[in-house]
Amino acid sequence: MGVVLFTGINVNGYPCKNAVNVTEVDFFIGGLANSAVINNLVGSVITTANNVEKIPGLNTLGVSLARIDYQPDGLNPPHTHPRASEIIFVLDGELDVGFITTANKLISKSIKKGDIFVFPEGLNNGVKPASVIAGFNSQFPGTQSIATTLFTSTPLVPEHVLTKGFQIGTKGVKKMRNKLAPKKT
């Protein structure tokens, strides 16, 4: 069970609750039934139900969920989940999904409402919005956006590594860094 019956003990870096203080709130989160408002350049929004801060009862269970909403031609940028496998169920719409194996082979398929697929990235190929529910075998699957990680890390990946690795000029590196940099508020 995700909530251990002792106080003063941490599991996975999070304090366990005394059984007397455990309630249904520790095992519940609402909001995945509703589509998110999409207002970004990639055309998708991820609503997570995958961290112990939101759902304390997840700690030690090794499961979590997320909802991804796509506008037409929306993209969930290439990414990895370093601590989890992922499976999706299509709620609505159609998506082109896929991943690249360690042998550099592209595995891809068009999927539609009701379909299930195991994958690390998705692209909405339809003319209408799409939504999926993603399940993970970890309460902390992590998400590492490939482009953002490479172009906006701290400290920055040296420019010469990116120019040589991607066969682009320094202007291309600067353009990517400017596009992907966190917006200042």
N, C-alpha and C. Protein backbone atom coordinates (compact mmCIF):
# COMPACT_ATOMS: atom_id res chain seq x y z
N MET A 1 0.85 -1.18 0.00
CA MET A 1 0.00 0.00 0.00
C MET A 1 0.88 1.23 0.00
N GLY A 2 0.47 2.29 -0.65
CA GLY A 2 1.27 3.49 -0.79
C GLY A 2 1.45 4.30 0.47
N VAL A 3 0.62 4.11 1.47
CA VAL A 3 0.74 4.88 2.70
C VAL A 3 1.18 3.94 3.81
N VAL A 4 2.35 4.16 4.35
CA VAL A 4 2.91 3.31 5.38
C VAL A 4 2.39 3.78 6.73
N LEU A 5 2.26 2.86 7.66
CA LEU A 5 1.61 3.14 8.93
C LEU A 5 2.53 3.73 9.99
N PHE A 6 3.62 4.34 9.62
CA PHE A 6 4.56 4.90 10.58
C PHE A 6 4.74 6.38 10.32
N THR A 7 5.06 7.12 11.35
CA THR A 7 5.39 8.52 11.16
C THR A 7 6.90 8.68 11.24
N GLY A 8 7.41 9.75 10.67
CA GLY A 8 8.84 10.01 10.73
C GLY A 8 9.65 9.18 9.75
N ILE A 9 8.99 8.43 8.88
CA ILE A 9 9.68 7.60 7.91
C ILE A 9 9.42 8.17 6.52
N ASN A 10 10.47 8.22 5.70
CA ASN A 10 10.33 8.64 4.31
C ASN A 10 10.50 7.44 3.40
N VAL A 11 9.67 7.36 2.38
CA VAL A 11 9.79 6.35 1.34
C VAL A 11 9.84 7.09 0.02
N ASN A 12 10.85 6.82 -0.79
CA ASN A 12 11.04 7.54 -2.05
C ASN A 12 11.19 9.04 -1.83
N GLY A 13 11.68 9.42 -0.66
CA GLY A 13 11.90 10.82 -0.36
C GLY A 13 10.67 11.56 0.16
N TYR A 14 9.55 10.86 0.37
CA TYR A 14 8.33 11.50 0.84
C TYR A 14 7.92 10.92 2.18
N PRO A 15 7.44 11.78 3.07
CA PRO A 15 7.05 11.29 4.40
C PRO A 15 5.81 10.40 4.33
N CYS A 16 5.83 9.36 5.12
CA CYS A 16 4.66 8.49 5.23
C CYS A 16 3.71 9.09 6.25
N LYS A 17 2.43 8.88 6.04
CA LYS A 17 1.42 9.41 6.95
C LYS A 17 1.05 8.36 7.99
N ASN A 18 0.71 8.83 9.14
CA ASN A 18 0.18 7.96 10.17
C ASN A 18 -1.18 7.46 9.67
N ALA A 19 -1.47 6.18 9.85
CA ALA A 19 -2.72 5.59 9.36
C ALA A 19 -3.95 6.32 9.87
N VAL A 20 -3.87 6.92 11.01
CA VAL A 20 -4.99 7.67 11.58
C VAL A 20 -5.33 8.89 10.72
N ASN A 21 -4.32 9.45 10.04
CA ASN A 21 -4.51 10.66 9.25
C ASN A 21 -4.79 10.41 7.77
N VAL A 22 -4.81 9.15 7.35
CA VAL A 22 -5.04 8.81 5.95
C VAL A 22 -6.53 8.90 5.64
N THR A 23 -6.84 9.57 4.50
CA THR A 23 -8.23 9.68 4.06
C THR A 23 -8.32 9.38 2.57
N GLU A 24 -9.53 9.39 2.04
CA GLU A 24 -9.73 9.16 0.62
C GLU A 24 -9.05 10.22 -0.23
N VAL A 25 -8.85 11.40 0.29
CA VAL A 25 -8.19 12.49 -0.43
C VAL A 25 -6.76 12.10 -0.82
N ASP A 26 -6.12 11.26 -0.03
CA ASP A 26 -4.75 10.82 -0.33
C ASP A 26 -4.68 9.92 -1.56
N PHE A 27 -5.83 9.44 -2.05
CA PHE A 27 -5.87 8.49 -3.16
C PHE A 27 -6.71 8.99 -4.33
N PHE A 28 -7.00 10.29 -4.38
CA PHE A 28 -7.93 10.82 -5.37
C PHE A 28 -7.39 12.10 -6.00
N ILE A 29 -7.67 12.26 -7.30
CA ILE A 29 -7.47 13.52 -7.99
C ILE A 29 -8.55 13.61 -9.07
N GLY A 30 -9.14 14.76 -9.23
CA GLY A 30 -10.15 14.96 -10.27
C GLY A 30 -9.55 15.73 -11.42
N GLY A 31 -10.30 15.87 -12.50
CA GLY A 31 -9.87 16.75 -13.58
C GLY A 31 -9.44 16.09 -14.87
N LEU A 32 -9.20 14.79 -14.89
CA LEU A 32 -8.76 14.18 -16.14
C LEU A 32 -9.90 13.99 -17.13
N ALA A 33 -11.13 14.14 -16.69
CA ALA A 33 -12.27 13.97 -17.60
C ALA A 33 -12.43 15.16 -18.54
N ASN A 34 -11.85 16.29 -18.18
CA ASN A 34 -12.05 17.52 -18.97
C ASN A 34 -10.87 17.82 -19.87
N SER A 35 -11.16 18.24 -21.09
CA SER A 35 -10.10 18.66 -22.02
C SER A 35 -9.43 19.92 -21.50
N ALA A 36 -8.14 20.02 -21.72
CA ALA A 36 -7.39 21.21 -21.32
C ALA A 36 -7.45 22.26 -22.41
N VAL A 37 -7.24 23.51 -22.03
CA VAL A 37 -7.14 24.60 -23.00
C VAL A 37 -5.72 24.58 -23.55
N ILE A 38 -5.61 24.54 -24.86
CA ILE A 38 -4.30 24.46 -25.52
C ILE A 38 -3.93 25.83 -26.05
N ASN A 39 -2.84 26.39 -25.55
CA ASN A 39 -2.41 27.72 -25.99
C ASN A 39 -0.90 27.80 -26.07
N ASN A 40 -0.31 26.83 -26.77
CA ASN A 40 1.14 26.83 -26.93
C ASN A 40 1.50 26.51 -28.38
N LEU A 41 2.77 26.61 -28.71
CA LEU A 41 3.22 26.42 -30.09
C LEU A 41 3.16 24.97 -30.56
N VAL A 42 3.27 24.00 -29.67
CA VAL A 42 3.29 22.60 -30.10
C VAL A 42 1.90 22.01 -30.26
N GLY A 43 0.89 22.66 -29.67
CA GLY A 43 -0.48 22.22 -29.88
C GLY A 43 -0.91 21.04 -29.02
N SER A 44 -0.34 20.89 -27.84
CA SER A 44 -0.79 19.84 -26.92
C SER A 44 -0.60 20.31 -25.49
N VAL A 45 -1.39 19.71 -24.60
CA VAL A 45 -1.28 20.01 -23.17
C VAL A 45 -1.37 18.69 -22.42
N ILE A 46 -0.51 18.54 -21.43
CA ILE A 46 -0.50 17.34 -20.61
C ILE A 46 -1.01 17.68 -19.22
N THR A 47 -2.02 16.95 -18.77
CA THR A 47 -2.55 17.09 -17.42
C THR A 47 -2.13 15.84 -16.65
N THR A 48 -1.33 16.03 -15.61
CA THR A 48 -0.76 14.87 -14.93
C THR A 48 -1.53 14.47 -13.67
N ALA A 49 -1.49 13.20 -13.43
CA ALA A 49 -1.95 12.61 -12.17
C ALA A 49 -0.86 11.62 -11.79
N ASN A 50 0.35 12.15 -11.69
CA ASN A 50 1.48 11.23 -11.54
C ASN A 50 2.53 11.68 -10.54
N ASN A 51 2.13 12.39 -9.52
CA ASN A 51 3.16 12.66 -8.53
C ASN A 51 2.57 12.64 -7.12
N VAL A 52 3.43 12.31 -6.21
CA VAL A 52 3.04 12.11 -4.82
C VAL A 52 2.54 13.41 -4.18
N GLU A 53 2.99 14.56 -4.70
CA GLU A 53 2.46 15.82 -4.14
C GLU A 53 0.97 15.95 -4.43
N LYS A 54 0.52 15.50 -5.59
CA LYS A 54 -0.89 15.58 -5.95
C LYS A 54 -1.71 14.42 -5.37
N ILE A 55 -1.12 13.23 -5.37
CA ILE A 55 -1.80 12.02 -4.89
C ILE A 55 -0.85 11.27 -3.96
N PRO A 56 -0.83 11.58 -2.68
CA PRO A 56 0.12 10.95 -1.77
C PRO A 56 0.05 9.42 -1.78
N GLY A 57 -1.12 8.86 -2.02
CA GLY A 57 -1.27 7.41 -2.04
C GLY A 57 -0.54 6.71 -3.16
N LEU A 58 -0.02 7.45 -4.15
CA LEU A 58 0.76 6.84 -5.22
C LEU A 58 2.12 6.33 -4.74
N ASN A 59 2.63 6.92 -3.68
CA ASN A 59 3.98 6.58 -3.25
C ASN A 59 4.11 5.07 -3.03
N THR A 60 5.04 4.47 -3.69
CA THR A 60 5.42 3.04 -3.69
C THR A 60 4.53 2.17 -4.57
N LEU A 61 3.44 2.70 -5.13
CA LEU A 61 2.56 1.86 -5.93
C LEU A 61 3.09 1.57 -7.33
N GLY A 62 3.92 2.45 -7.87
CA GLY A 62 4.51 2.20 -9.18
C GLY A 62 3.55 2.37 -10.34
N VAL A 63 2.54 3.23 -10.22
CA VAL A 63 1.60 3.52 -11.31
C VAL A 63 1.27 5.00 -11.33
N SER A 64 0.85 5.50 -12.48
CA SER A 64 0.38 6.88 -12.60
C SER A 64 -0.31 7.05 -13.94
N LEU A 65 -0.98 8.19 -14.11
CA LEU A 65 -1.70 8.51 -15.34
C LEU A 65 -1.44 9.95 -15.76
N ALA A 66 -1.71 10.22 -17.01
CA ALA A 66 -1.71 11.58 -17.53
C ALA A 66 -2.72 11.63 -18.66
N ARG A 67 -3.27 12.81 -18.90
CA ARG A 67 -4.14 13.03 -20.05
C ARG A 67 -3.41 13.99 -20.98
N ILE A 68 -3.38 13.67 -22.28
CA ILE A 68 -2.77 14.55 -23.26
C ILE A 68 -3.86 14.97 -24.24
N ASP A 69 -4.06 16.27 -24.38
CA ASP A 69 -5.01 16.82 -25.33
C ASP A 69 -4.24 17.47 -26.47
N TYR A 70 -4.70 17.21 -27.70
CA TYR A 70 -4.05 17.73 -28.90
C TYR A 70 -5.03 18.57 -29.69
N GLN A 71 -4.56 19.70 -30.20
CA GLN A 71 -5.35 20.43 -31.19
C GLN A 71 -5.03 19.79 -32.55
N PRO A 72 -5.82 20.10 -33.61
CA PRO A 72 -5.46 19.55 -34.92
C PRO A 72 -4.01 19.87 -35.27
N ASP A 73 -3.29 18.91 -35.75
CA ASP A 73 -1.86 19.00 -36.08
C ASP A 73 -1.00 19.26 -34.85
N GLY A 74 -1.52 18.98 -33.66
CA GLY A 74 -0.74 19.16 -32.43
C GLY A 74 0.30 18.07 -32.27
N LEU A 75 1.32 18.36 -31.49
CA LEU A 75 2.44 17.45 -31.32
C LEU A 75 2.78 17.33 -29.84
N ASN A 76 3.07 16.13 -29.40
CA ASN A 76 3.70 15.90 -28.12
C ASN A 76 5.18 15.73 -28.48
N PRO A 77 6.01 16.74 -28.24
CA PRO A 77 7.39 16.72 -28.74
C PRO A 77 8.15 15.46 -28.36
N PRO A 78 9.10 15.05 -29.19
CA PRO A 78 9.91 13.85 -28.87
C PRO A 78 10.46 13.93 -27.45
N HIS A 79 10.27 12.83 -26.74
CA HIS A 79 10.66 12.80 -25.33
C HIS A 79 10.91 11.36 -24.90
N THR A 80 11.44 11.21 -23.71
CA THR A 80 11.59 9.90 -23.09
C THR A 80 11.03 9.96 -21.68
N HIS A 81 10.72 8.80 -21.14
CA HIS A 81 10.35 8.66 -19.74
C HIS A 81 11.41 7.75 -19.13
N PRO A 82 12.42 8.36 -18.50
CA PRO A 82 13.57 7.57 -18.05
C PRO A 82 13.24 6.53 -16.97
N ARG A 83 12.12 6.67 -16.29
CA ARG A 83 11.80 5.74 -15.22
C ARG A 83 10.51 4.97 -15.46
N ALA A 84 10.02 4.93 -16.71
CA ALA A 84 8.74 4.24 -16.91
C ALA A 84 8.50 3.85 -18.36
N SER A 85 7.73 2.79 -18.53
CA SER A 85 7.12 2.47 -19.81
C SER A 85 5.80 3.22 -19.86
N GLU A 86 5.27 3.43 -21.06
CA GLU A 86 4.03 4.19 -21.22
C GLU A 86 3.07 3.42 -22.11
N ILE A 87 1.81 3.47 -21.77
CA ILE A 87 0.75 2.89 -22.60
C ILE A 87 -0.34 3.95 -22.71
N ILE A 88 -0.91 4.11 -23.91
CA ILE A 88 -1.98 5.10 -24.05
C ILE A 88 -3.27 4.43 -24.53
N PHE A 89 -4.37 5.08 -24.19
CA PHE A 89 -5.70 4.72 -24.66
C PHE A 89 -6.28 5.97 -25.31
N VAL A 90 -6.72 5.87 -26.57
CA VAL A 90 -7.24 7.03 -27.28
C VAL A 90 -8.70 7.26 -26.89
N LEU A 91 -8.94 8.41 -26.26
CA LEU A 91 -10.30 8.80 -25.87
C LEU A 91 -11.10 9.30 -27.06
N ASP A 92 -10.43 10.09 -27.94
CA ASP A 92 -11.11 10.71 -29.05
C ASP A 92 -10.09 11.11 -30.11
N GLY A 93 -10.50 11.10 -31.37
CA GLY A 93 -9.64 11.56 -32.45
C GLY A 93 -8.74 10.47 -33.00
N GLU A 94 -7.75 10.90 -33.79
CA GLU A 94 -6.77 10.01 -34.40
C GLU A 94 -5.38 10.59 -34.21
N LEU A 95 -4.40 9.72 -34.04
CA LEU A 95 -3.02 10.13 -33.82
C LEU A 95 -2.09 9.25 -34.63
N ASP A 96 -0.98 9.83 -35.07
CA ASP A 96 0.15 9.05 -35.56
C ASP A 96 1.10 8.95 -34.39
N VAL A 97 1.44 7.73 -33.99
CA VAL A 97 2.30 7.54 -32.83
C VAL A 97 3.50 6.69 -33.23
N GLY A 98 4.56 6.78 -32.43
CA GLY A 98 5.69 5.94 -32.74
C GLY A 98 6.86 6.17 -31.82
N PHE A 99 7.86 5.34 -32.02
CA PHE A 99 9.11 5.46 -31.28
C PHE A 99 10.22 4.87 -32.13
N ILE A 100 11.43 5.16 -31.76
CA ILE A 100 12.61 4.65 -32.47
C ILE A 100 13.31 3.68 -31.54
N THR A 101 13.56 2.47 -32.04
CA THR A 101 14.21 1.45 -31.23
C THR A 101 15.71 1.76 -31.08
N THR A 102 16.38 1.03 -30.21
CA THR A 102 17.82 1.21 -30.05
C THR A 102 18.58 0.76 -31.29
N ALA A 103 17.92 0.02 -32.19
CA ALA A 103 18.52 -0.36 -33.47
C ALA A 103 18.23 0.69 -34.54
N ASN A 104 17.69 1.85 -34.12
CA ASN A 104 17.38 2.99 -35.00
C ASN A 104 16.27 2.68 -35.99
N LYS A 105 15.33 1.82 -35.60
CA LYS A 105 14.18 1.49 -36.45
C LYS A 105 12.96 2.24 -35.94
N LEU A 106 12.24 2.91 -36.86
CA LEU A 106 11.02 3.61 -36.52
C LEU A 106 9.87 2.62 -36.47
N ILE A 107 9.18 2.58 -35.34
CA ILE A 107 7.97 1.79 -35.17
C ILE A 107 6.84 2.81 -35.05
N SER A 108 5.89 2.80 -35.99
CA SER A 108 4.83 3.81 -35.96
C SER A 108 3.51 3.22 -36.44
N LYS A 109 2.42 3.88 -36.05
CA LYS A 109 1.09 3.43 -36.43
C LYS A 109 0.12 4.59 -36.27
N SER A 110 -0.91 4.62 -37.12
CA SER A 110 -2.03 5.54 -36.94
C SER A 110 -3.03 4.83 -36.03
N ILE A 111 -3.45 5.53 -34.96
CA ILE A 111 -4.41 4.94 -34.03
C ILE A 111 -5.60 5.88 -33.88
N LYS A 112 -6.74 5.31 -33.47
CA LYS A 112 -7.98 6.09 -33.37
C LYS A 112 -8.69 5.76 -32.07
N LYS A 113 -9.81 6.43 -31.84
CA LYS A 113 -10.61 6.27 -30.64
C LYS A 113 -10.78 4.79 -30.29
N GLY A 114 -10.47 4.47 -29.03
CA GLY A 114 -10.59 3.10 -28.55
C GLY A 114 -9.33 2.26 -28.68
N ASP A 115 -8.35 2.73 -29.45
CA ASP A 115 -7.11 1.96 -29.64
C ASP A 115 -6.15 2.17 -28.47
N ILE A 116 -5.26 1.21 -28.29
CA ILE A 116 -4.22 1.26 -27.27
C ILE A 116 -2.88 1.07 -27.95
N PHE A 117 -1.86 1.80 -27.47
CA PHE A 117 -0.51 1.69 -28.04
C PHE A 117 0.51 2.00 -26.94
N VAL A 118 1.64 1.34 -27.02
CA VAL A 118 2.76 1.65 -26.13
C VAL A 118 3.73 2.50 -26.94
N PHE A 119 4.05 3.72 -26.42
CA PHE A 119 4.87 4.62 -27.23
C PHE A 119 5.45 5.78 -26.43
N PRO A 120 6.52 6.44 -26.95
CA PRO A 120 7.07 7.62 -26.27
C PRO A 120 6.72 8.96 -26.90
N GLU A 121 6.08 9.01 -28.04
CA GLU A 121 5.75 10.31 -28.63
C GLU A 121 4.52 10.20 -29.51
N GLY A 122 3.81 11.32 -29.70
CA GLY A 122 2.60 11.27 -30.50
C GLY A 122 2.41 12.52 -31.34
N LEU A 123 1.71 12.36 -32.45
CA LEU A 123 1.40 13.46 -33.36
C LEU A 123 -0.04 13.31 -33.82
N ASN A 124 -0.86 14.34 -33.64
CA ASN A 124 -2.25 14.30 -34.08
C ASN A 124 -2.28 14.46 -35.60
N ASN A 125 -2.81 13.45 -36.29
CA ASN A 125 -2.85 13.51 -37.75
C ASN A 125 -4.22 13.92 -38.26
N GLY A 126 -5.15 14.22 -37.37
CA GLY A 126 -6.51 14.49 -37.80
C GLY A 126 -6.80 15.96 -37.99
N VAL A 127 -8.03 16.22 -38.42
CA VAL A 127 -8.48 17.60 -38.60
C VAL A 127 -9.32 18.04 -37.42
N LYS A 128 -9.46 17.17 -36.42
CA LYS A 128 -10.19 17.53 -35.21
C LYS A 128 -9.30 17.23 -34.01
N PRO A 129 -9.64 17.78 -32.87
CA PRO A 129 -8.83 17.54 -31.68
C PRO A 129 -8.80 16.06 -31.31
N ALA A 130 -7.81 15.67 -30.54
CA ALA A 130 -7.68 14.30 -30.04
C ALA A 130 -7.28 14.35 -28.58
N SER A 131 -7.60 13.28 -27.86
CA SER A 131 -7.23 13.16 -26.45
C SER A 131 -6.87 11.72 -26.15
N VAL A 132 -5.91 11.53 -25.26
CA VAL A 132 -5.52 10.19 -24.83
C VAL A 132 -5.32 10.19 -23.32
N ILE A 133 -5.41 9.01 -22.74
CA ILE A 133 -5.02 8.79 -21.36
C ILE A 133 -3.76 7.93 -21.42
N ALA A 134 -2.71 8.38 -20.75
CA ALA A 134 -1.44 7.65 -20.72
C ALA A 134 -1.24 7.04 -19.34
N GLY A 135 -0.88 5.78 -19.30
CA GLY A 135 -0.58 5.10 -18.06
C GLY A 135 0.90 4.78 -17.99
N PHE A 136 1.46 4.83 -16.80
CA PHE A 136 2.89 4.58 -16.60
C PHE A 136 3.09 3.55 -15.49
N ASN A 137 4.17 2.80 -15.57
CA ASN A 137 4.47 1.83 -14.52
C ASN A 137 5.41 2.45 -13.49
N SER A 138 5.18 3.69 -13.16
CA SER A 138 5.96 4.41 -12.15
C SER A 138 5.14 5.57 -11.64
N GLN A 139 5.24 5.87 -10.34
CA GLN A 139 4.56 7.05 -9.83
C GLN A 139 5.34 8.31 -10.17
N PHE A 140 6.59 8.15 -10.61
CA PHE A 140 7.43 9.26 -11.07
C PHE A 140 8.08 8.88 -12.39
N PRO A 141 7.32 8.87 -13.51
CA PRO A 141 7.91 8.44 -14.76
C PRO A 141 8.97 9.39 -15.30
N GLY A 142 8.90 10.66 -14.90
CA GLY A 142 9.82 11.64 -15.45
C GLY A 142 9.52 11.87 -16.91
N THR A 143 9.79 13.05 -17.38
CA THR A 143 9.68 13.35 -18.81
C THR A 143 10.88 14.20 -19.18
N GLN A 144 11.57 13.76 -20.20
CA GLN A 144 12.72 14.50 -20.67
C GLN A 144 12.51 14.83 -22.14
N SER A 145 12.16 16.10 -22.40
CA SER A 145 11.98 16.56 -23.77
C SER A 145 13.35 16.65 -24.43
N ILE A 146 13.52 15.93 -25.49
CA ILE A 146 14.84 15.82 -26.13
C ILE A 146 15.38 17.20 -26.53
N ALA A 147 14.61 17.96 -27.30
CA ALA A 147 15.09 19.26 -27.78
C ALA A 147 15.35 20.23 -26.64
N THR A 148 14.39 20.33 -25.71
CA THR A 148 14.56 21.26 -24.59
C THR A 148 15.77 20.89 -23.76
N THR A 149 15.94 19.61 -23.51
CA THR A 149 17.08 19.15 -22.71
C THR A 149 18.40 19.51 -23.38
N LEU A 150 18.50 19.29 -24.67
CA LEU A 150 19.76 19.54 -25.37
C LEU A 150 20.07 21.02 -25.57
N PHE A 151 19.04 21.82 -25.78
CA PHE A 151 19.29 23.23 -26.13
C PHE A 151 19.13 24.21 -24.98
N THR A 152 18.59 23.79 -23.84
CA THR A 152 18.40 24.75 -22.74
C THR A 152 18.90 24.24 -21.39
N SER A 153 19.79 23.25 -21.40
CA SER A 153 20.29 22.72 -20.13
C SER A 153 21.09 23.77 -19.36
N THR A 154 21.31 23.50 -18.08
CA THR A 154 22.14 24.37 -17.25
C THR A 154 23.22 23.52 -16.62
N PRO A 155 24.49 23.76 -16.89
CA PRO A 155 24.98 24.71 -17.88
C PRO A 155 24.64 24.23 -19.30
N LEU A 156 24.76 25.13 -20.25
CA LEU A 156 24.43 24.82 -21.64
C LEU A 156 25.38 23.78 -22.23
N VAL A 157 24.82 22.91 -23.08
CA VAL A 157 25.66 22.00 -23.86
C VAL A 157 26.50 22.89 -24.77
N PRO A 158 27.80 22.65 -24.85
CA PRO A 158 28.65 23.52 -25.68
C PRO A 158 28.12 23.61 -27.12
N GLU A 159 28.16 24.82 -27.64
CA GLU A 159 27.65 25.09 -28.97
C GLU A 159 28.28 24.18 -30.02
N HIS A 160 29.60 23.95 -29.94
CA HIS A 160 30.27 23.12 -30.95
C HIS A 160 29.76 21.67 -30.93
N VAL A 161 29.29 21.19 -29.78
CA VAL A 161 28.74 19.84 -29.70
C VAL A 161 27.42 19.78 -30.47
N LEU A 162 26.58 20.81 -30.28
CA LEU A 162 25.29 20.84 -30.98
C LEU A 162 25.45 21.09 -32.48
N THR A 163 26.37 21.97 -32.86
CA THR A 163 26.55 22.24 -34.30
C THR A 163 27.05 20.98 -35.01
N LYS A 164 27.97 20.28 -34.38
CA LYS A 164 28.51 19.07 -35.01
C LYS A 164 27.51 17.92 -34.94
N GLY A 165 26.86 17.75 -33.79
CA GLY A 165 25.93 16.65 -33.61
C GLY A 165 24.69 16.74 -34.49
N PHE A 166 24.21 17.95 -34.74
CA PHE A 166 23.02 18.13 -35.55
C PHE A 166 23.30 18.67 -36.95
N GLN A 167 24.60 18.90 -37.23
CA GLN A 167 24.99 19.42 -38.54
C GLN A 167 24.25 20.71 -38.87
N ILE A 168 24.24 21.64 -37.89
CA ILE A 168 23.64 22.96 -38.08
C ILE A 168 24.67 24.00 -37.68
N GLY A 169 24.47 25.22 -38.14
CA GLY A 169 25.39 26.29 -37.79
C GLY A 169 25.08 26.89 -36.43
N THR A 170 25.95 27.81 -36.01
CA THR A 170 25.75 28.46 -34.71
C THR A 170 24.46 29.28 -34.68
N LYS A 171 24.05 29.83 -35.83
CA LYS A 171 22.78 30.55 -35.89
C LYS A 171 21.62 29.61 -35.60
N GLY A 172 21.70 28.40 -36.11
CA GLY A 172 20.66 27.39 -35.85
C GLY A 172 20.58 27.04 -34.37
N VAL A 173 21.72 26.91 -33.71
CA VAL A 173 21.76 26.61 -32.28
C VAL A 173 21.12 27.76 -31.51
N LYS A 174 21.51 28.99 -31.83
CA LYS A 174 20.97 30.16 -31.14
C LYS A 174 19.46 30.26 -31.35
N LYS A 175 18.99 29.98 -32.57
CA LYS A 175 17.56 30.03 -32.87
C LYS A 175 16.80 29.00 -32.03
N MET A 176 17.34 27.79 -31.93
CA MET A 176 16.69 26.75 -31.13
C MET A 176 16.68 27.13 -29.66
N ARG A 177 17.78 27.65 -29.17
CA ARG A 177 17.84 28.04 -27.75
C ARG A 177 16.83 29.14 -27.45
N ASN A 178 16.70 30.11 -28.35
CA ASN A 178 15.72 31.19 -28.14
C ASN A 178 14.29 30.68 -28.17
N LYS A 179 13.99 29.75 -29.10
CA LYS A 179 12.64 29.20 -29.21
C LYS A 179 12.27 28.36 -28.00
N LEU A 180 13.23 27.59 -27.50
CA LEU A 180 12.92 26.63 -26.45
C LEU A 180 13.15 27.16 -25.04
N ALA A 181 13.79 28.30 -24.91
CA ALA A 181 14.09 28.85 -23.57
C ALA A 181 12.78 29.08 -22.81
N PRO A 182 12.80 28.80 -21.51
CA PRO A 182 11.60 29.09 -20.70
C PRO A 182 11.21 30.55 -20.82
N LYS A 183 9.92 30.79 -20.92
CA LYS A 183 9.42 32.17 -21.03
C LYS A 183 9.55 32.86 -19.68
N LYS A 184 10.06 34.07 -19.68
CA LYS A 184 10.19 34.85 -18.46
C LYS A 184 8.88 35.54 -18.17
N THR A 185 8.44 35.43 -16.91
CA THR A 185 7.16 36.05 -16.54
C THR A 185 7.37 37.23 -15.64
